[in-house]
Amino acid sequence: PPLRSHPGIRSRLAMVRHGMGSFLVF
């Protein structure tokens, strides 16, 4: 937790978002 709140970590996370999920059929 202490490192998750680091400004450099938070700023990088704020730059990106989750990709779309996938659905597979085997």
PDB file of all heavy atoms in Angstrom:
ATOM      1  N   PRO A   1       0.783  -1.246   0.000  1.00  0.00           N
ATOM      2  CA  PRO A   1       0.000   0.000   0.000  1.00  0.00           C
ATOM      3  C   PRO A   1       0.813   1.293   0.000  1.00  0.00           C
ATOM      4  O   PRO A   1       0.467   2.224  -0.728  1.00  0.00           O
ATOM      5  CB  PRO A   1      -0.870  -0.123   1.257  1.00  0.00           C
ATOM      6  CG  PRO A   1      -1.043  -1.608   1.427  1.00  0.00           C
ATOM      7  CD  PRO A   1       0.259  -2.224   0.980  1.00  0.00           C
ATOM      8  N   PRO A   2       1.892   1.404   0.787  1.00  0.00           N
ATOM      9  CA  PRO A   2       2.633   2.675   0.753  1.00  0.00           C
ATOM     10  C   PRO A   2       3.169   3.030  -0.626  1.00  0.00           C
ATOM     11  O   PRO A   2       3.222   4.201  -0.995  1.00  0.00           O
ATOM     12  CB  PRO A   2       3.772   2.427   1.752  1.00  0.00           C
ATOM     13  CG  PRO A   2       3.270   1.370   2.663  1.00  0.00           C
ATOM     14  CD  PRO A   2       2.448   0.475   1.798  1.00  0.00           C
ATOM     15  N   LEU A   3       3.566   2.007  -1.396  1.00  0.00           N
ATOM     16  CA  LEU A   3       4.101   2.287  -2.725  1.00  0.00           C
ATOM     17  C   LEU A   3       2.998   2.516  -3.747  1.00  0.00           C
ATOM     18  O   LEU A   3       3.209   3.212  -4.734  1.00  0.00           O
ATOM     19  CB  LEU A   3       5.002   1.136  -3.173  1.00  0.00           C
ATOM     20  CG  LEU A   3       6.304   0.963  -2.383  1.00  0.00           C
ATOM     21  CD1 LEU A   3       7.166  -0.125  -2.997  1.00  0.00           C
ATOM     22  CD2 LEU A   3       7.081   2.274  -2.319  1.00  0.00           C
ATOM     23  N   ARG A   4       1.820   1.939  -3.532  1.00  0.00           N
ATOM     24  CA  ARG A   4       0.708   2.170  -4.471  1.00  0.00           C
ATOM     25  C   ARG A   4       0.305   3.634  -4.504  1.00  0.00           C
ATOM     26  O   ARG A   4      -0.201   4.131  -5.503  1.00  0.00           O
ATOM     27  CB  ARG A   4      -0.507   1.326  -4.074  1.00  0.00           C
ATOM     28  CG  ARG A   4      -0.313  -0.160  -4.226  1.00  0.00           C
ATOM     29  CD  ARG A   4      -1.573  -0.892  -3.812  1.00  0.00           C
ATOM     30  NE  ARG A   4      -1.266  -2.201  -3.262  1.00  0.00           N
ATOM     31  CZ  ARG A   4      -2.124  -2.951  -2.588  1.00  0.00           C
ATOM     32  NH1 ARG A   4      -3.360  -2.505  -2.357  1.00  0.00           N
ATOM     33  NH2 ARG A   4      -1.774  -4.139  -2.128  1.00  0.00           N
ATOM     34  N   SER A   5       0.498   4.325  -3.380  1.00  0.00           N
ATOM     35  CA  SER A   5       0.106   5.729  -3.302  1.00  0.00           C
ATOM     36  C   SER A   5       1.211   6.676  -3.755  1.00  0.00           C
ATOM     37  O   SER A   5       1.039   7.902  -3.704  1.00  0.00           O
ATOM     38  CB  SER A   5      -0.312   6.081  -1.872  1.00  0.00           C
ATOM     39  OG  SER A   5       0.765   5.848  -0.967  1.00  0.00           O
ATOM     40  N   HIS A   6       2.322   6.126  -4.210  1.00  0.00           N
ATOM     41  CA  HIS A   6       3.418   6.968  -4.694  1.00  0.00           C
ATOM     42  C   HIS A   6       2.932   7.781  -5.897  1.00  0.00           C
ATOM     43  O   HIS A   6       2.263   7.254  -6.792  1.00  0.00           O
ATOM     44  CB  HIS A   6       4.601   6.094  -5.092  1.00  0.00           C
ATOM     45  CG  HIS A   6       5.821   6.873  -5.478  1.00  0.00           C
ATOM     46  ND1 HIS A   6       6.008   7.409  -6.744  1.00  0.00           N
ATOM     47  CD2 HIS A   6       6.932   7.203  -4.762  1.00  0.00           C
ATOM     48  CE1 HIS A   6       7.170   8.025  -6.786  1.00  0.00           C
ATOM     49  NE2 HIS A   6       7.749   7.919  -5.604  1.00  0.00           N
ATOM     50  N   PRO A   7       3.228   9.081  -5.957  1.00  0.00           N
ATOM     51  CA  PRO A   7       2.735   9.923  -7.055  1.00  0.00           C
ATOM     52  C   PRO A   7       3.101   9.394  -8.439  1.00  0.00           C
ATOM     53  O   PRO A   7       2.290   9.462  -9.370  1.00  0.00           O
ATOM     54  CB  PRO A   7       3.395  11.278  -6.776  1.00  0.00           C
ATOM     55  CG  PRO A   7       3.661  11.273  -5.303  1.00  0.00           C
ATOM     56  CD  PRO A   7       3.964   9.868  -4.949  1.00  0.00           C
ATOM     57  N   GLY A   8       4.304   8.865  -8.590  1.00  0.00           N
ATOM     58  CA  GLY A   8       4.703   8.345  -9.892  1.00  0.00           C
ATOM     59  C   GLY A   8       3.889   7.136 -10.309  1.00  0.00           C
ATOM     60  O   GLY A   8       3.551   6.970 -11.489  1.00  0.00           O
ATOM     61  N   ILE A   9       3.554   6.293  -9.343  1.00  0.00           N
ATOM     62  CA  ILE A   9       2.727   5.105  -9.618  1.00  0.00           C
ATOM     63  C   ILE A   9       1.318   5.540  -9.992  1.00  0.00           C
ATOM     64  O   ILE A   9       0.735   5.065 -10.983  1.00  0.00           O
ATOM     65  CB  ILE A   9       2.706   4.172  -8.395  1.00  0.00           C
ATOM     66  CG1 ILE A   9       4.113   3.631  -8.103  1.00  0.00           C
ATOM     67  CG2 ILE A   9       1.706   3.054  -8.601  1.00  0.00           C
ATOM     68  CD1 ILE A   9       4.670   2.750  -9.196  1.00  0.00           C
ATOM     69  N   ARG A  10       0.744   6.431  -9.214  1.00  0.00           N
ATOM     70  CA  ARG A  10      -0.630   6.867  -9.463  1.00  0.00           C
ATOM     71  C   ARG A  10      -0.761   7.589 -10.795  1.00  0.00           C
ATOM     72  O   ARG A  10      -1.758   7.437 -11.511  1.00  0.00           O
ATOM     73  CB  ARG A  10      -1.090   7.754  -8.310  1.00  0.00           C
ATOM     74  CG  ARG A  10      -1.174   7.024  -6.977  1.00  0.00           C
ATOM     75  CD  ARG A  10      -1.501   7.946  -5.827  1.00  0.00           C
ATOM     76  NE  ARG A  10      -2.811   8.575  -5.988  1.00  0.00           N
ATOM     77  CZ  ARG A  10      -3.318   9.463  -5.141  1.00  0.00           C
ATOM     78  NH1 ARG A  10      -2.610   9.836  -4.078  1.00  0.00           N
ATOM     79  NH2 ARG A  10      -4.495   9.980  -5.343  1.00  0.00           N
ATOM     80  N   SER A  11       0.241   8.388 -11.157  1.00  0.00           N
ATOM     81  CA  SER A  11       0.164   9.123 -12.419  1.00  0.00           C
ATOM     82  C   SER A  11       0.215   8.176 -13.610  1.00  0.00           C
ATOM     83  O   SER A  11      -0.481   8.376 -14.607  1.00  0.00           O
ATOM     84  CB  SER A  11       1.290  10.150 -12.506  1.00  0.00           C
ATOM     85  OG  SER A  11       2.553   9.510 -12.580  1.00  0.00           O
ATOM     86  N   ARG A  12       1.001   7.129 -13.523  1.00  0.00           N
ATOM     87  CA  ARG A  12       1.066   6.164 -14.631  1.00  0.00           C
ATOM     88  C   ARG A  12      -0.239   5.397 -14.779  1.00  0.00           C
ATOM     89  O   ARG A  12      -0.722   5.165 -15.889  1.00  0.00           O
ATOM     90  CB  ARG A  12       2.229   5.196 -14.424  1.00  0.00           C
ATOM     91  CG  ARG A  12       3.585   5.827 -14.646  1.00  0.00           C
ATOM     92  CD  ARG A  12       4.628   4.781 -14.916  1.00  0.00           C
ATOM     93  NE  ARG A  12       5.967   5.357 -15.026  1.00  0.00           N
ATOM     94  CZ  ARG A  12       7.035   4.687 -15.412  1.00  0.00           C
ATOM     95  NH1 ARG A  12       6.918   3.411 -15.718  1.00  0.00           N
ATOM     96  NH2 ARG A  12       8.214   5.261 -15.488  1.00  0.00           N
ATOM     97  N   LEU A  13      -0.801   4.981 -13.660  1.00  0.00           N
ATOM     98  CA  LEU A  13      -2.071   4.277 -13.727  1.00  0.00           C
ATOM     99  C   LEU A  13      -3.170   5.154 -14.317  1.00  0.00           C
ATOM    100  O   LEU A  13      -4.061   4.668 -15.016  1.00  0.00           O
ATOM    101  CB  LEU A  13      -2.486   3.795 -12.330  1.00  0.00           C
ATOM    102  CG  LEU A  13      -1.801   2.523 -11.819  1.00  0.00           C
ATOM    103  CD1 LEU A  13      -2.215   2.244 -10.383  1.00  0.00           C
ATOM    104  CD2 LEU A  13      -2.131   1.339 -12.715  1.00  0.00           C
ATOM    105  N   ALA A  14      -3.111   6.445 -14.041  1.00  0.00           N
ATOM    106  CA  ALA A  14      -4.136   7.361 -14.547  1.00  0.00           C
ATOM    107  C   ALA A  14      -4.034   7.566 -16.056  1.00  0.00           C
ATOM    108  O   ALA A  14      -4.983   8.040 -16.686  1.00  0.00           O
ATOM    109  CB  ALA A  14      -4.037   8.705 -13.829  1.00  0.00           C
ATOM    110  N   MET A  15      -2.902   7.222 -16.652  1.00  0.00           N
ATOM    111  CA  MET A  15      -2.710   7.433 -18.090  1.00  0.00           C
ATOM    112  C   MET A  15      -3.360   6.350 -18.954  1.00  0.00           C
ATOM    113  O   MET A  15      -3.550   6.552 -20.147  1.00  0.00           O
ATOM    114  CB  MET A  15      -1.208   7.473 -18.409  1.00  0.00           C
ATOM    115  CG  MET A  15      -0.489   8.684 -17.899  1.00  0.00           C
ATOM    116  SD  MET A  15       1.264   8.622 -18.373  1.00  0.00           S
ATOM    117  CE  MET A  15       1.816  10.232 -17.805  1.00  0.00           C
ATOM    118  N   VAL A  16      -3.665   5.197 -18.368  1.00  0.00           N
ATOM    119  CA  VAL A  16      -4.163   4.076 -19.161  1.00  0.00           C
ATOM    120  C   VAL A  16      -5.469   3.566 -18.575  1.00  0.00           C
ATOM    121  O   VAL A  16      -5.826   3.871 -17.435  1.00  0.00           O
ATOM    122  CB  VAL A  16      -3.130   2.927 -19.212  1.00  0.00           C
ATOM    123  CG1 VAL A  16      -1.915   3.338 -20.013  1.00  0.00           C
ATOM    124  CG2 VAL A  16      -2.713   2.506 -17.806  1.00  0.00           C
ATOM    125  N   ARG A  17      -6.181   2.782 -19.389  1.00  0.00           N
ATOM    126  CA  ARG A  17      -7.409   2.155 -18.904  1.00  0.00           C
ATOM    127  C   ARG A  17      -7.422   0.692 -19.338  1.00  0.00           C
ATOM    128  O   ARG A  17      -6.664   0.273 -20.216  1.00  0.00           O
ATOM    129  CB  ARG A  17      -8.639   2.887 -19.437  1.00  0.00           C
ATOM    130  CG  ARG A  17      -8.742   2.977 -20.940  1.00  0.00           C
ATOM    131  CD  ARG A  17      -9.821   3.966 -21.363  1.00  0.00           C
ATOM    132  NE  ARG A  17      -9.952   4.073 -22.805  1.00  0.00           N
ATOM    133  CZ  ARG A  17     -10.826   3.381 -23.537  1.00  0.00           C
ATOM    134  NH1 ARG A  17     -11.649   2.533 -22.940  1.00  0.00           N
ATOM    135  NH2 ARG A  17     -10.883   3.534 -24.841  1.00  0.00           N
ATOM    136  N   HIS A  18      -8.304  -0.072 -18.706  1.00  0.00           N
ATOM    137  CA  HIS A  18      -8.375  -1.492 -18.986  1.00  0.00           C
ATOM    138  C   HIS A  18      -8.829  -1.744 -20.424  1.00  0.00           C
ATOM    139  O   HIS A  18      -9.709  -1.051 -20.943  1.00  0.00           O
ATOM    140  CB  HIS A  18      -9.352  -2.177 -18.036  1.00  0.00           C
ATOM    141  CG  HIS A  18      -8.899  -2.188 -16.608  1.00  0.00           C
ATOM    142  ND1 HIS A  18      -8.051  -3.147 -16.111  1.00  0.00           N
ATOM    143  CD2 HIS A  18      -9.179  -1.347 -15.584  1.00  0.00           C
ATOM    144  CE1 HIS A  18      -7.836  -2.911 -14.820  1.00  0.00           C
ATOM    145  NE2 HIS A  18      -8.495  -1.823 -14.478  1.00  0.00           N
ATOM    146  N   GLY A  19      -8.222  -2.738 -21.050  1.00  0.00           N
ATOM    147  CA  GLY A  19      -8.663  -3.139 -22.366  1.00  0.00           C
ATOM    148  C   GLY A  19      -9.987  -3.880 -22.282  1.00  0.00           C
ATOM    149  O   GLY A  19     -10.451  -4.273 -21.210  1.00  0.00           O
ATOM    150  N   MET A  20     -10.599  -4.096 -23.440  1.00  0.00           N
ATOM    151  CA  MET A  20     -11.862  -4.829 -23.492  1.00  0.00           C
ATOM    152  C   MET A  20     -11.608  -6.299 -23.205  1.00  0.00           C
ATOM    153  O   MET A  20     -10.572  -6.855 -23.564  1.00  0.00           O
ATOM    154  CB  MET A  20     -12.488  -4.657 -24.877  1.00  0.00           C
ATOM    155  CG  MET A  20     -13.955  -5.050 -24.951  1.00  0.00           C
ATOM    156  SD  MET A  20     -14.650  -4.632 -26.574  1.00  0.00           S
ATOM    157  CE  MET A  20     -16.386  -4.985 -26.297  1.00  0.00           C
ATOM    158  N   GLY A  21     -12.560  -6.937 -22.532  1.00  0.00           N
ATOM    159  CA  GLY A  21     -12.434  -8.345 -22.219  1.00  0.00           C
ATOM    160  C   GLY A  21     -12.589  -9.215 -23.461  1.00  0.00           C
ATOM    161  O   GLY A  21     -12.915  -8.736 -24.553  1.00  0.00           O
ATOM    162  N   SER A  22     -12.370 -10.501 -23.293  1.00  0.00           N
ATOM    163  CA  SER A  22     -12.499 -11.426 -24.417  1.00  0.00           C
ATOM    164  C   SER A  22     -13.376 -12.606 -24.025  1.00  0.00           C
ATOM    165  O   SER A  22     -13.511 -12.955 -22.849  1.00  0.00           O
ATOM    166  CB  SER A  22     -11.120 -11.927 -24.866  1.00  0.00           C
ATOM    167  OG  SER A  22     -10.493 -12.651 -23.829  1.00  0.00           O
ATOM    168  N   PHE A  23     -13.973 -13.190 -25.041  1.00  0.00           N
ATOM    169  CA  PHE A  23     -14.828 -14.369 -24.875  1.00  0.00           C
ATOM    170  C   PHE A  23     -14.305 -15.433 -25.830  1.00  0.00           C
ATOM    171  O   PHE A  23     -14.126 -15.182 -27.025  1.00  0.00           O
ATOM    172  CB  PHE A  23     -16.284 -14.034 -25.207  1.00  0.00           C
ATOM    173  CG  PHE A  23     -17.260 -15.136 -24.893  1.00  0.00           C
ATOM    174  CD1 PHE A  23     -18.006 -15.100 -23.733  1.00  0.00           C
ATOM    175  CD2 PHE A  23     -17.438 -16.208 -25.766  1.00  0.00           C
ATOM    176  CE1 PHE A  23     -18.913 -16.121 -23.432  1.00  0.00           C
ATOM    177  CE2 PHE A  23     -18.327 -17.224 -25.472  1.00  0.00           C
ATOM    178  CZ  PHE A  23     -19.068 -17.183 -24.307  1.00  0.00           C
ATOM    179  N   LEU A  24     -14.032 -16.626 -25.316  1.00  0.00           N
ATOM    180  CA  LEU A  24     -13.448 -17.690 -26.130  1.00  0.00           C
ATOM    181  C   LEU A  24     -14.326 -18.931 -26.118  1.00  0.00           C
ATOM    182  O   LEU A  24     -15.013 -19.221 -25.125  1.00  0.00           O
ATOM    183  CB  LEU A  24     -12.054 -18.061 -25.630  1.00  0.00           C
ATOM    184  CG  LEU A  24     -11.001 -16.948 -25.651  1.00  0.00           C
ATOM    185  CD1 LEU A  24     -10.854 -16.338 -24.258  1.00  0.00           C
ATOM    186  CD2 LEU A  24      -9.674 -17.472 -26.140  1.00  0.00           C
ATOM    187  N   VAL A  25     -14.265 -19.666 -27.229  1.00  0.00           N
ATOM    188  CA  VAL A  25     -14.951 -20.955 -27.336  1.00  0.00           C
ATOM    189  C   VAL A  25     -13.906 -21.991 -27.739  1.00  0.00           C
ATOM    190  O   VAL A  25     -13.202 -21.809 -28.736  1.00  0.00           O
ATOM    191  CB  VAL A  25     -16.081 -20.925 -28.374  1.00  0.00           C
ATOM    192  CG1 VAL A  25     -16.816 -22.266 -28.387  1.00  0.00           C
ATOM    193  CG2 VAL A  25     -17.058 -19.790 -28.081  1.00  0.00           C
ATOM    194  N   PHE A  26     -13.799 -23.050 -26.953  1.00  0.00           N
ATOM    195  CA  PHE A  26     -12.862 -24.129 -27.226  1.00  0.00           C
ATOM    196  C   PHE A  26     -13.652 -25.337 -27.723  1.00  0.00           C
ATOM    197  O   PHE A  26     -14.549 -25.824 -27.032  1.00  0.00           O
ATOM    198  CB  PHE A  26     -12.071 -24.480 -25.966  1.00  0.00           C
ATOM    199  CG  PHE A  26     -11.378 -23.300 -25.349  1.00  0.00           C
ATOM    200  CD1 PHE A  26     -11.912 -22.670 -24.228  1.00  0.00           C
ATOM    201  CD2 PHE A  26     -10.210 -22.796 -25.895  1.00  0.00           C
ATOM    202  CE1 PHE A  26     -11.281 -21.577 -23.654  1.00  0.00           C
ATOM    203  CE2 PHE A  26      -9.567 -21.707 -25.336  1.00  0.00           C
ATOM    204  CZ  PHE A  26     -10.099 -21.093 -24.215  1.00  0.00           C
TER     205      PHE A  26
END
